[in-house]
PDB file of N, CA and C in Angstrom:
ATOM      1  N   UNK A   1     108.204  85.360 106.045  1.00  0.00           N
ATOM      2  CA  UNK A   1     107.036  85.166 105.200  1.00  0.00           C
ATOM      3  C   UNK A   1     106.994  86.292 104.172  1.00  0.00           C
ATOM      4  N   UNK A   2     106.670  85.968 102.976  1.00  0.00           N
ATOM      5  CA  UNK A   2     106.600  86.968 101.912  1.00  0.00           C
ATOM      6  C   UNK A   2     105.409  87.881 102.133  1.00  0.00           C
ATOM      7  N   UNK A   3     105.593  89.146 101.803  1.00  0.00           N
ATOM      8  CA  UNK A   3     104.483  90.084 101.958  1.00  0.00           C
ATOM      9  C   UNK A   3     103.517  89.916 100.799  1.00  0.00           C
ATOM     10  N   UNK A   4     102.253  90.073 101.118  1.00  0.00           N
ATOM     11  CA  UNK A   4     101.220  89.929 100.094  1.00  0.00           C
ATOM     12  C   UNK A   4     100.774  91.317  99.685  1.00  0.00           C
ATOM     13  N   UNK A   5     100.695  91.549  98.384  1.00  0.00           N
ATOM     14  CA  UNK A   5     100.239  92.851  97.925  1.00  0.00           C
ATOM     15  C   UNK A   5      98.723  92.843  97.850  1.00  0.00           C
ATOM     16  N   UNK A   6      98.146  93.978  98.098  1.00  0.00           N
ATOM     17  CA  UNK A   6      96.697  94.131  98.054  1.00  0.00           C
ATOM     18  C   UNK A   6      96.296  94.935  96.842  1.00  0.00           C
ATOM     19  N   UNK A   7      95.201  94.540  96.228  1.00  0.00           N
ATOM     20  CA  UNK A   7      94.644  95.293  95.110  1.00  0.00           C
ATOM     21  C   UNK A   7      93.881  96.497  95.640  1.00  0.00           C
ATOM     22  N   UNK A   8      93.629  97.434  94.792  1.00  0.00           N
ATOM     23  CA  UNK A   8      92.872  98.639  95.142  1.00  0.00           C
ATOM     24  C   UNK A   8      91.463  98.509  94.608  1.00  0.00           C
ATOM     25  N   UNK A   9      90.532  99.069  95.345  1.00  0.00           N
ATOM     26  CA  UNK A   9      89.146  99.045  94.952  1.00  0.00           C
ATOM     27  C   UNK A   9      88.604 100.461  95.079  1.00  0.00           C
ATOM     28  N   UNK A  10      88.070 100.990  93.989  1.00  0.00           N
ATOM     29  CA  UNK A  10      87.473 102.325  94.006  1.00  0.00           C
ATOM     30  C   UNK A  10      85.968 102.186  93.887  1.00  0.00           C
ATOM     31  N   UNK A  11      85.249 102.812  94.801  1.00  0.00           N
ATOM     32  CA  UNK A  11      83.790 102.773  94.798  1.00  0.00           C
ATOM     33  C   UNK A  11      83.235 104.179  94.689  1.00  0.00           C
ATOM     34  N   UNK A  12      82.096 104.282  94.069  1.00  0.00           N
ATOM     35  CA  UNK A  12      81.378 105.559  94.045  1.00  0.00           C
ATOM     36  C   UNK A  12      80.247 105.467  95.054  1.00  0.00           C
ATOM     37  N   UNK A  13      80.154 106.469  95.916  1.00  0.00           N
ATOM     38  CA  UNK A  13      79.119 106.528  96.935  1.00  0.00           C
ATOM     39  C   UNK A  13      78.863 107.997  97.232  1.00  0.00           C
ATOM     40  N   UNK A  14      77.632 108.402  97.386  1.00  0.00           N
ATOM     41  CA  UNK A  14      77.334 109.823  97.612  1.00  0.00           C
ATOM     42  C   UNK A  14      78.092 110.388  98.816  1.00  0.00           C
ATOM     43  N   UNK A  15      78.680 111.582  98.634  1.00  0.00           N
ATOM     44  CA  UNK A  15      79.494 112.209  99.680  1.00  0.00           C
ATOM     45  C   UNK A  15      78.752 112.355 101.001  1.00  0.00           C
ATOM     46  N   UNK A  16      77.529 112.828 100.958  1.00  0.00           N
ATOM     47  CA  UNK A  16      76.776 113.037 102.196  1.00  0.00           C
ATOM     48  C   UNK A  16      76.575 111.734 102.947  1.00  0.00           C
ATOM     49  N   UNK A  17      76.221 110.694 102.225  1.00  0.00           N
ATOM     50  CA  UNK A  17      76.027 109.394 102.858  1.00  0.00           C
ATOM     51  C   UNK A  17      77.336 108.877 103.455  1.00  0.00           C
ATOM     52  N   UNK A  18      78.438 109.095 102.731  1.00  0.00           N
ATOM     53  CA  UNK A  18      79.741 108.635 103.213  1.00  0.00           C
ATOM     54  C   UNK A  18      80.122 109.340 104.511  1.00  0.00           C
ATOM     55  N   UNK A  19      79.918 110.645 104.556  1.00  0.00           N
ATOM     56  CA  UNK A  19      80.247 111.407 105.764  1.00  0.00           C
ATOM     57  C   UNK A  19      79.428 110.942 106.955  1.00  0.00           C
ATOM     58  N   UNK A  20      78.129 110.735 106.737  1.00  0.00           N
ATOM     59  CA  UNK A  20      77.255 110.298 107.828  1.00  0.00           C
ATOM     60  C   UNK A  20      77.618 108.877 108.264  1.00  0.00           C
ATOM     61  N   UNK A  21      77.884 108.014 107.302  1.00  0.00           N
ATOM     62  CA  UNK A  21      78.268 106.643 107.611  1.00  0.00           C
ATOM     63  C   UNK A  21      79.546 106.617 108.443  1.00  0.00           C
ATOM     64  N   UNK A  22      80.563 107.348 108.012  1.00  0.00           N
ATOM     65  CA  UNK A  22      81.828 107.385 108.752  1.00  0.00           C
ATOM     66  C   UNK A  22      81.632 107.955 110.145  1.00  0.00           C
ATOM     67  N   UNK A  23      80.799 108.986 110.284  1.00  0.00           N
ATOM     68  CA  UNK A  23      80.520 109.573 111.590  1.00  0.00           C
ATOM     69  C   UNK A  23      79.876 108.536 112.511  1.00  0.00           C
ATOM     70  N   UNK A  24      78.839 107.866 112.012  1.00  0.00           N
ATOM     71  CA  UNK A  24      78.120 106.879 112.830  1.00  0.00           C
ATOM     72  C   UNK A  24      79.013 105.697 113.206  1.00  0.00           C
ATOM     73  N   UNK A  25      79.822 105.241 112.273  1.00  0.00           N
ATOM     74  CA  UNK A  25      80.737 104.136 112.579  1.00  0.00           C
ATOM     75  C   UNK A  25      81.770 104.543 113.614  1.00  0.00           C
ATOM     76  N   UNK A  26      82.275 105.760 113.505  1.00  0.00           N
ATOM     77  CA  UNK A  26      83.244 106.263 114.476  1.00  0.00           C
ATOM     78  C   UNK A  26      82.617 106.320 115.866  1.00  0.00           C
ATOM     79  N   UNK A  27      81.365 106.749 115.937  1.00  0.00           N
ATOM     80  CA  UNK A  27      80.650 106.804 117.219  1.00  0.00           C
ATOM     81  C   UNK A  27      80.551 105.412 117.846  1.00  0.00           C
ATOM     82  N   UNK A  28      80.459 104.398 117.013  1.00  0.00           N
ATOM     83  CA  UNK A  28      80.354 103.020 117.491  1.00  0.00           C
ATOM     84  C   UNK A  28      81.724 102.356 117.664  1.00  0.00           C
ATOM     85  N   UNK A  29      82.791 103.109 117.351  1.00  0.00           N
ATOM     86  CA  UNK A  29      84.136 102.563 117.481  1.00  0.00           C
ATOM     87  C   UNK A  29      84.497 101.583 116.377  1.00  0.00           C
ATOM     88  N   UNK A  30      83.866 101.730 115.227  1.00  0.00           N
ATOM     89  CA  UNK A  30      84.134 100.823 114.104  1.00  0.00           C
ATOM     90  C   UNK A  30      84.843 101.574 112.987  1.00  0.00           C
ATOM     91  N   UNK A  31      85.550 100.820 112.158  1.00  0.00           N
ATOM     92  CA  UNK A  31      86.321 101.389 111.060  1.00  0.00           C
ATOM     93  C   UNK A  31      85.743 100.903 109.730  1.00  0.00           C
ATOM     94  N   UNK A  32      85.425 101.830 108.855  1.00  0.00           N
ATOM     95  CA  UNK A  32      84.826 101.492 107.563  1.00  0.00           C
ATOM     96  C   UNK A  32      85.729 100.579 106.738  1.00  0.00           C
ATOM     97  N   UNK A  33      87.015 100.862 106.695  1.00  0.00           N
ATOM     98  CA  UNK A  33      87.937 100.030 105.916  1.00  0.00           C
ATOM     99  C   UNK A  33      87.945  98.589 106.422  1.00  0.00           C
ATOM    100  N   UNK A  34      87.966  98.420 107.754  1.00  0.00           N
ATOM    101  CA  UNK A  34      87.964  97.070 108.318  1.00  0.00           C
ATOM    102  C   UNK A  34      86.662  96.345 107.996  1.00  0.00           C
ATOM    103  N   UNK A  35      85.537  97.030 108.111  1.00  0.00           N
ATOM    104  CA  UNK A  35      84.245  96.421 107.810  1.00  0.00           C
ATOM    105  C   UNK A  35      84.143  96.021 106.343  1.00  0.00           C
ATOM    106  N   UNK A  36      84.626  96.878 105.465  1.00  0.00           N
ATOM    107  CA  UNK A  36      84.590  96.556 104.035  1.00  0.00           C
ATOM    108  C   UNK A  36      85.507  95.378 103.717  1.00  0.00           C
ATOM    109  N   UNK A  37      86.667  95.325 104.352  1.00  0.00           N
ATOM    110  CA  UNK A  37      87.596  94.215 104.144  1.00  0.00           C
ATOM    111  C   UNK A  37      86.975  92.909 104.613  1.00  0.00           C
ATOM    112  N   UNK A  38      86.337  92.934 105.796  1.00  0.00           N
ATOM    113  CA  UNK A  38      85.668  91.731 106.298  1.00  0.00           C
ATOM    114  C   UNK A  38      84.555  91.293 105.344  1.00  0.00           C
ATOM    115  N   UNK A  39      83.794  92.254 104.836  1.00  0.00           N
ATOM    116  CA  UNK A  39      82.718  91.940 103.903  1.00  0.00           C
ATOM    117  C   UNK A  39      83.272  91.310 102.628  1.00  0.00           C
ATOM    118  N   UNK A  40      84.335  91.890 102.094  1.00  0.00           N
ATOM    119  CA  UNK A  40      84.929  91.355 100.865  1.00  0.00           C
ATOM    120  C   UNK A  40      85.530  89.974 101.088  1.00  0.00           C
ATOM    121  N   UNK A  41      86.132  89.746 102.265  1.00  0.00           N
ATOM    122  CA  UNK A  41      86.649  88.413 102.572  1.00  0.00           C
ATOM    123  C   UNK A  41      85.521  87.382 102.585  1.00  0.00           C
ATOM    124  N   UNK A  42      84.398  87.741 103.169  1.00  0.00           N
ATOM    125  CA  UNK A  42      83.247  86.847 103.192  1.00  0.00           C
ATOM    126  C   UNK A  42      82.710  86.593 101.797  1.00  0.00           C
ATOM    127  N   UNK A  43      82.642  87.637 100.996  1.00  0.00           N
ATOM    128  CA  UNK A  43      82.189  87.516  99.619  1.00  0.00           C
ATOM    129  C   UNK A  43      83.118  86.588  98.827  1.00  0.00           C
ATOM    130  N   UNK A  44      84.401  86.730  99.061  1.00  0.00           N
ATOM    131  CA  UNK A  44      85.412  85.889  98.421  1.00  0.00           C
ATOM    132  C   UNK A  44      85.217  84.422  98.820  1.00  0.00           C
ATOM    133  N   UNK A  45      85.106  84.166 100.136  1.00  0.00           N
ATOM    134  CA  UNK A  45      84.941  82.795 100.614  1.00  0.00           C
ATOM    135  C   UNK A  45      83.647  82.167 100.095  1.00  0.00           C
ATOM    136  N   UNK A  46      82.594  82.966  99.983  1.00  0.00           N
ATOM    137  CA  UNK A  46      81.308  82.451  99.530  1.00  0.00           C
ATOM    138  C   UNK A  46      81.309  82.119  98.038  1.00  0.00           C
ATOM    139  N   UNK A  47      82.041  82.874  97.249  1.00  0.00           N
ATOM    140  CA  UNK A  47      81.944  82.760  95.798  1.00  0.00           C
ATOM    141  C   UNK A  47      83.116  82.089  95.100  1.00  0.00           C
ATOM    142  N   UNK A  48      84.264  82.007  95.745  1.00  0.00           N
ATOM    143  CA  UNK A  48      85.436  81.379  95.121  1.00  0.00           C
ATOM    144  C   UNK A  48      85.544  79.954  95.650  1.00  0.00           C
ATOM    145  N   UNK A  49      85.461  78.959  94.775  1.00  0.00           N
ATOM    146  CA  UNK A  49      85.552  77.564  95.218  1.00  0.00           C
ATOM    147  C   UNK A  49      86.860  77.288  95.958  1.00  0.00           C
ATOM    148  N   UNK A  50      86.782  76.385  96.929  1.00  0.00           N
ATOM    149  CA  UNK A  50      87.950  76.047  97.757  1.00  0.00           C
ATOM    150  C   UNK A  50      89.126  75.620  96.900  1.00  0.00           C
ATOM    151  N   UNK A  51      88.886  74.847  95.867  1.00  0.00           N
ATOM    152  CA  UNK A  51      89.980  74.370  95.028  1.00  0.00           C
ATOM    153  C   UNK A  51      90.732  75.540  94.386  1.00  0.00           C
ATOM    154  N   UNK A  52      90.015  76.576  94.007  1.00  0.00           N
ATOM    155  CA  UNK A  52      90.675  77.756  93.428  1.00  0.00           C
ATOM    156  C   UNK A  52      91.429  78.529  94.501  1.00  0.00           C
ATOM    157  N   UNK A  53      90.851  78.617  95.700  1.00  0.00           N
ATOM    158  CA  UNK A  53      91.530  79.319  96.788  1.00  0.00           C
ATOM    159  C   UNK A  53      92.840  78.629  97.143  1.00  0.00           C
ATOM    160  N   UNK A  54      92.843  77.291  97.135  1.00  0.00           N
ATOM    161  CA  UNK A  54      94.065  76.547  97.438  1.00  0.00           C
ATOM    162  C   UNK A  54      95.125  76.787  96.376  1.00  0.00           C
ATOM    163  N   UNK A  55      94.695  76.950  95.136  1.00  0.00           N
ATOM    164  CA  UNK A  55      95.629  77.174  94.041  1.00  0.00           C
ATOM    165  C   UNK A  55      96.270  78.556  94.127  1.00  0.00           C
ATOM    166  N   UNK A  56      95.487  79.574  94.454  1.00  0.00           N
ATOM    167  CA  UNK A  56      96.038  80.927  94.472  1.00  0.00           C
ATOM    168  C   UNK A  56      96.553  81.342  95.839  1.00  0.00           C
ATOM    169  N   UNK A  57      96.307  80.524  96.857  1.00  0.00           N
ATOM    170  CA  UNK A  57      96.807  80.807  98.199  1.00  0.00           C
ATOM    171  C   UNK A  57      97.636  79.626  98.702  1.00  0.00           C
ATOM    172  N   UNK A  58      98.778  79.336  98.100  1.00  0.00           N
ATOM    173  CA  UNK A  58      99.538  78.150  98.497  1.00  0.00           C
ATOM    174  C   UNK A  58     100.009  78.189  99.944  1.00  0.00           C
ATOM    175  N   UNK A  59     100.313  79.368 100.481  1.00  0.00           N
ATOM    176  CA  UNK A  59     100.754  79.470 101.868  1.00  0.00           C
ATOM    177  C   UNK A  59      99.607  79.222 102.832  1.00  0.00           C
ATOM    178  N   UNK A  60      98.387  79.422 102.381  1.00  0.00           N
ATOM    179  CA  UNK A  60      97.215  79.262 103.233  1.00  0.00           C
ATOM    180  C   UNK A  60      97.068  77.820 103.706  1.00  0.00           C
ATOM    181  N   UNK A  61      97.361  76.831 102.834  1.00  0.00           N
ATOM    182  CA  UNK A  61      97.241  75.422 103.209  1.00  0.00           C
ATOM    183  C   UNK A  61      98.162  75.108 104.386  1.00  0.00           C
ATOM    184  N   UNK A  62      99.390  75.602 104.325  1.00  0.00           N
ATOM    185  CA  UNK A  62     100.354  75.361 105.376  1.00  0.00           C
ATOM    186  C   UNK A  62      99.876  76.003 106.687  1.00  0.00           C
ATOM    187  N   UNK A  63      99.362  77.229 106.612  1.00  0.00           N
ATOM    188  CA  UNK A  63      98.852  77.918 107.799  1.00  0.00           C
ATOM    189  C   UNK A  63      97.665  77.182 108.385  1.00  0.00           C
ATOM    190  N   UNK A  64      96.751  76.700 107.552  1.00  0.00           N
ATOM    191  CA  UNK A  64      95.565  75.983 108.021  1.00  0.00           C
ATOM    192  C   UNK A  64      95.962  74.719 108.774  1.00  0.00           C
ATOM    193  N   UNK A  65      96.928  73.974 108.234  1.00  0.00           N
ATOM    194  CA  UNK A  65      97.365  72.752 108.901  1.00  0.00           C
ATOM    195  C   UNK A  65      97.993  73.067 110.254  1.00  0.00           C
ATOM    196  N   UNK A  66      98.774  74.136 110.340  1.00  0.00           N
ATOM    197  CA  UNK A  66      99.395  74.516 111.594  1.00  0.00           C
ATOM    198  C   UNK A  66      98.340  74.958 112.606  1.00  0.00           C
ATOM    199  N   UNK A  67      97.318  75.656 112.150  1.00  0.00           N
ATOM    200  CA  UNK A  67      96.264  76.117 113.050  1.00  0.00           C
ATOM    201  C   UNK A  67      95.385  74.966 113.535  1.00  0.00           C
ATOM    202  N   UNK A  68      95.201  73.939 112.726  1.00  0.00           N
ATOM    203  CA  UNK A  68      94.398  72.795 113.122  1.00  0.00           C
ATOM    204  C   UNK A  68      95.049  72.030 114.258  1.00  0.00           C
ATOM    205  N   UNK A  69      96.349  71.883 114.221  1.00  0.00           N
ATOM    206  CA  UNK A  69      97.058  71.106 115.217  1.00  0.00           C
ATOM    207  C   UNK A  69      98.412  71.756 115.497  1.00  0.00           C
ATOM    208  N   UNK A  70      98.437  72.814 116.319  1.00  0.00           N
ATOM    209  CA  UNK A  70      99.684  73.546 116.534  1.00  0.00           C
ATOM    210  C   UNK A  70     100.772  72.727 117.226  1.00  0.00           C
ATOM    211  N   UNK A  71     100.423  71.650 117.958  1.00  0.00           N
ATOM    212  CA  UNK A  71     101.428  70.856 118.658  1.00  0.00           C
ATOM    213  C   UNK A  71     102.219  69.971 117.714  1.00  0.00           C
ATOM    214  N   UNK A  72     101.669  69.721 116.513  1.00  0.00           N
ATOM    215  CA  UNK A  72     102.343  68.857 115.570  1.00  0.00           C
ATOM    216  C   UNK A  72     102.070  67.386 115.824  1.00  0.00           C
ATOM    217  N   UNK A  73     101.328  67.061 116.915  1.00  0.00           N
ATOM    218  CA  UNK A  73     101.008  65.672 117.223  1.00  0.00           C
ATOM    219  C   UNK A  73      99.814  65.210 116.410  1.00  0.00           C
ATOM    220  N   UNK A  74      99.811  63.924 116.113  1.00  0.00           N
ATOM    221  CA  UNK A  74      98.684  63.356 115.392  1.00  0.00           C
ATOM    222  C   UNK A  74      97.525  63.187 116.360  1.00  0.00           C
ATOM    223  N   UNK A  75      96.345  63.653 115.946  1.00  0.00           N
ATOM    224  CA  UNK A  75      95.174  63.541 116.793  1.00  0.00           C
ATOM    225  C   UNK A  75      94.329  62.374 116.325  1.00  0.00           C
ATOM    226  N   UNK A  76      93.871  61.573 117.292  1.00  0.00           N
ATOM    227  CA  UNK A  76      93.032  60.432 116.983  1.00  0.00           C
ATOM    228  C   UNK A  76      91.729  60.617 117.745  1.00  0.00           C
ATOM    229  N   UNK A  77      90.619  60.451 117.042  1.00  0.00           N
ATOM    230  CA  UNK A  77      89.340  60.552 117.727  1.00  0.00           C
ATOM    231  C   UNK A  77      88.497  59.343 117.381  1.00  0.00           C
ATOM    232  N   UNK A  78      87.766  58.898 118.361  1.00  0.00           N
ATOM    233  CA  UNK A  78      86.849  57.794 118.175  1.00  0.00           C
ATOM    234  C   UNK A  78      85.646  58.099 119.043  1.00  0.00           C
ATOM    235  N   UNK A  79      84.529  58.396 118.411  1.00  0.00           N
ATOM    236  CA  UNK A  79      83.339  58.795 119.141  1.00  0.00           C
ATOM    237  C   UNK A  79      82.812  57.668 120.017  1.00  0.00           C
ATOM    238  N   UNK A  80      83.058  56.417 119.654  1.00  0.00           N
ATOM    239  CA  UNK A  80      82.530  55.284 120.394  1.00  0.00           C
ATOM    240  C   UNK A  80      83.477  54.766 121.461  1.00  0.00           C
ATOM    241  N   UNK A  81      84.635  55.368 121.599  1.00  0.00           N
ATOM    242  CA  UNK A  81      85.616  54.879 122.566  1.00  0.00           C
ATOM    243  C   UNK A  81      85.173  55.255 123.977  1.00  0.00           C
ATOM    244  N   UNK A  82      85.467  54.368 124.901  1.00  0.00           N
ATOM    245  CA  UNK A  82      85.175  54.671 126.306  1.00  0.00           C
ATOM    246  C   UNK A  82      86.362  54.235 127.125  1.00  0.00           C
ATOM    247  N   UNK A  83      86.557  54.901 128.227  1.00  0.00           N
ATOM    248  CA  UNK A  83      87.648  54.607 129.121  1.00  0.00           C
ATOM    249  C   UNK A  83      87.041  54.269 130.462  1.00  0.00           C
ATOM    250  N   UNK A  84      87.478  53.173 131.059  1.00  0.00           N
ATOM    251  CA  UNK A  84      86.966  52.827 132.380  1.00  0.00           C
ATOM    252  C   UNK A  84      88.135  52.512 133.284  1.00  0.00           C
ATOM    253  N   UNK A  85      87.871  52.593 134.539  1.00  0.00           N
ATOM    254  CA  UNK A  85      88.909  52.316 135.499  1.00  0.00           C
ATOM    255  C   UNK A  85      88.967  53.395 136.564  1.00  0.00           C
ATOM    256  N   UNK A  86      89.652  53.155 137.635  1.00  0.00           N
ATOM    257  CA  UNK A  86      89.742  54.159 138.722  1.00  0.00           C
ATOM    258  C   UNK A  86      90.678  55.296 138.333  1.00  0.00           C
ATOM    259  N   UNK A  87      90.185  56.526 138.468  1.00  0.00           N
ATOM    260  CA  UNK A  87      91.025  57.698 138.152  1.00  0.00           C
ATOM    261  C   UNK A  87      90.921  58.677 139.259  1.00  0.00           C
TER     262      UNK A  87
END
Protein backbone atom coordinates (compact mmCIF):
# COMPACT_ATOMS: atom_id res chain seq x y z
CA UNK A 1 0.00 0.00 0.00
CA UNK A 2 1.32 3.44 -0.83
CA UNK A 3 2.23 5.65 2.08
CA UNK A 4 0.10 8.71 2.61
CA UNK A 5 1.80 11.97 3.40
CA UNK A 6 0.40 14.17 6.13
CA UNK A 7 0.14 17.93 6.04
CA UNK A 8 1.45 20.06 8.88
CA UNK A 9 -0.70 22.26 11.02
CA UNK A 10 0.71 25.07 13.16
CA UNK A 11 -1.46 26.51 15.92
CA UNK A 12 -0.93 29.37 18.31
CA UNK A 13 -1.93 28.65 21.90
CA UNK A 14 -0.72 30.27 25.12
CA UNK A 15 2.33 28.45 26.56
CA UNK A 16 0.94 28.20 30.09
CA UNK A 17 -2.32 26.72 28.89
CA UNK A 18 -0.45 24.26 26.67
CA UNK A 19 1.74 23.06 29.53
CA UNK A 20 -1.23 22.58 31.84
CA UNK A 21 -3.26 20.87 29.13
CA UNK A 22 -0.44 18.44 28.31
CA UNK A 23 0.09 17.73 32.02
CA UNK A 24 -3.60 16.99 32.62
CA UNK A 25 -3.89 14.82 29.51
CA UNK A 26 -0.80 12.86 30.51
CA UNK A 27 -2.34 12.27 33.95
CA UNK A 28 -5.37 10.80 32.19
CA UNK A 29 -3.20 8.70 29.86
CA UNK A 30 -4.23 10.67 26.78
CA UNK A 31 -2.12 12.12 23.99
CA UNK A 32 -2.75 15.63 22.66
CA UNK A 33 -1.65 14.76 19.12
CA UNK A 34 -4.02 11.79 18.97
CA UNK A 35 -6.93 13.84 20.33
CA UNK A 36 -6.30 16.64 17.84
CA UNK A 37 -6.06 14.14 14.97
CA UNK A 38 -9.36 12.54 16.00
CA UNK A 39 -10.97 15.98 16.23
CA UNK A 40 -9.69 16.98 12.79
CA UNK A 41 -10.88 13.68 11.29
CA UNK A 42 -14.35 14.36 12.67
CA UNK A 43 -14.27 17.92 11.37
CA UNK A 44 -13.25 16.59 7.96
CA UNK A 45 -16.04 13.98 7.88
CA UNK A 46 -18.62 16.55 8.99
CA UNK A 47 -17.67 19.23 6.47
CA UNK A 48 -16.33 17.45 3.38
CA UNK A 49 -19.10 15.89 1.26
CA UNK A 50 -18.84 12.14 0.70
CA UNK A 51 -18.53 12.58 -3.05
CA UNK A 52 -15.42 14.73 -2.56
CA UNK A 53 -13.96 12.27 -0.05
CA UNK A 54 -14.39 9.44 -2.56
CA UNK A 55 -12.62 11.50 -5.20
CA UNK A 56 -9.59 12.36 -3.08
CA UNK A 57 -9.46 9.03 -1.22
CA UNK A 58 -9.66 6.41 -4.00
CA UNK A 59 -8.14 3.67 -1.82
CA UNK A 60 -10.75 4.35 0.86
CA UNK A 61 -13.59 2.93 -1.29
CA UNK A 62 -11.74 -0.37 -1.67
CA UNK A 63 -11.03 -0.52 2.09
CA UNK A 64 -14.66 0.27 2.95
CA UNK A 65 -15.95 -2.54 0.73
CA UNK A 66 -13.50 -5.00 2.29
CA UNK A 67 -14.50 -3.93 5.81
CA UNK A 68 -18.22 -4.27 5.03
CA UNK A 69 -17.88 -7.88 3.96
CA UNK A 70 -14.43 -9.34 4.70
CA UNK A 71 -15.45 -12.88 3.59
CA UNK A 72 -16.08 -11.70 0.05
CA UNK A 73 -19.47 -13.48 0.05
CA UNK A 74 -22.59 -11.74 -1.11
CA UNK A 75 -24.89 -10.96 1.79
CA UNK A 76 -28.64 -11.16 1.36
CA UNK A 77 -31.06 -9.80 3.91
CA UNK A 78 -34.80 -9.90 4.02
CA UNK A 79 -36.45 -8.48 7.10
CA UNK A 80 -39.70 -10.35 6.39
CA UNK A 81 -38.14 -13.76 5.84
CA UNK A 82 -38.88 -16.50 8.32
CA UNK A 83 -37.52 -19.97 8.70
CA UNK A 84 -39.55 -22.81 10.13
CA UNK A 85 -38.90 -26.41 10.75
CA UNK A 86 -37.23 -28.64 13.34
CA UNK A 87 -33.70 -27.54 14.24
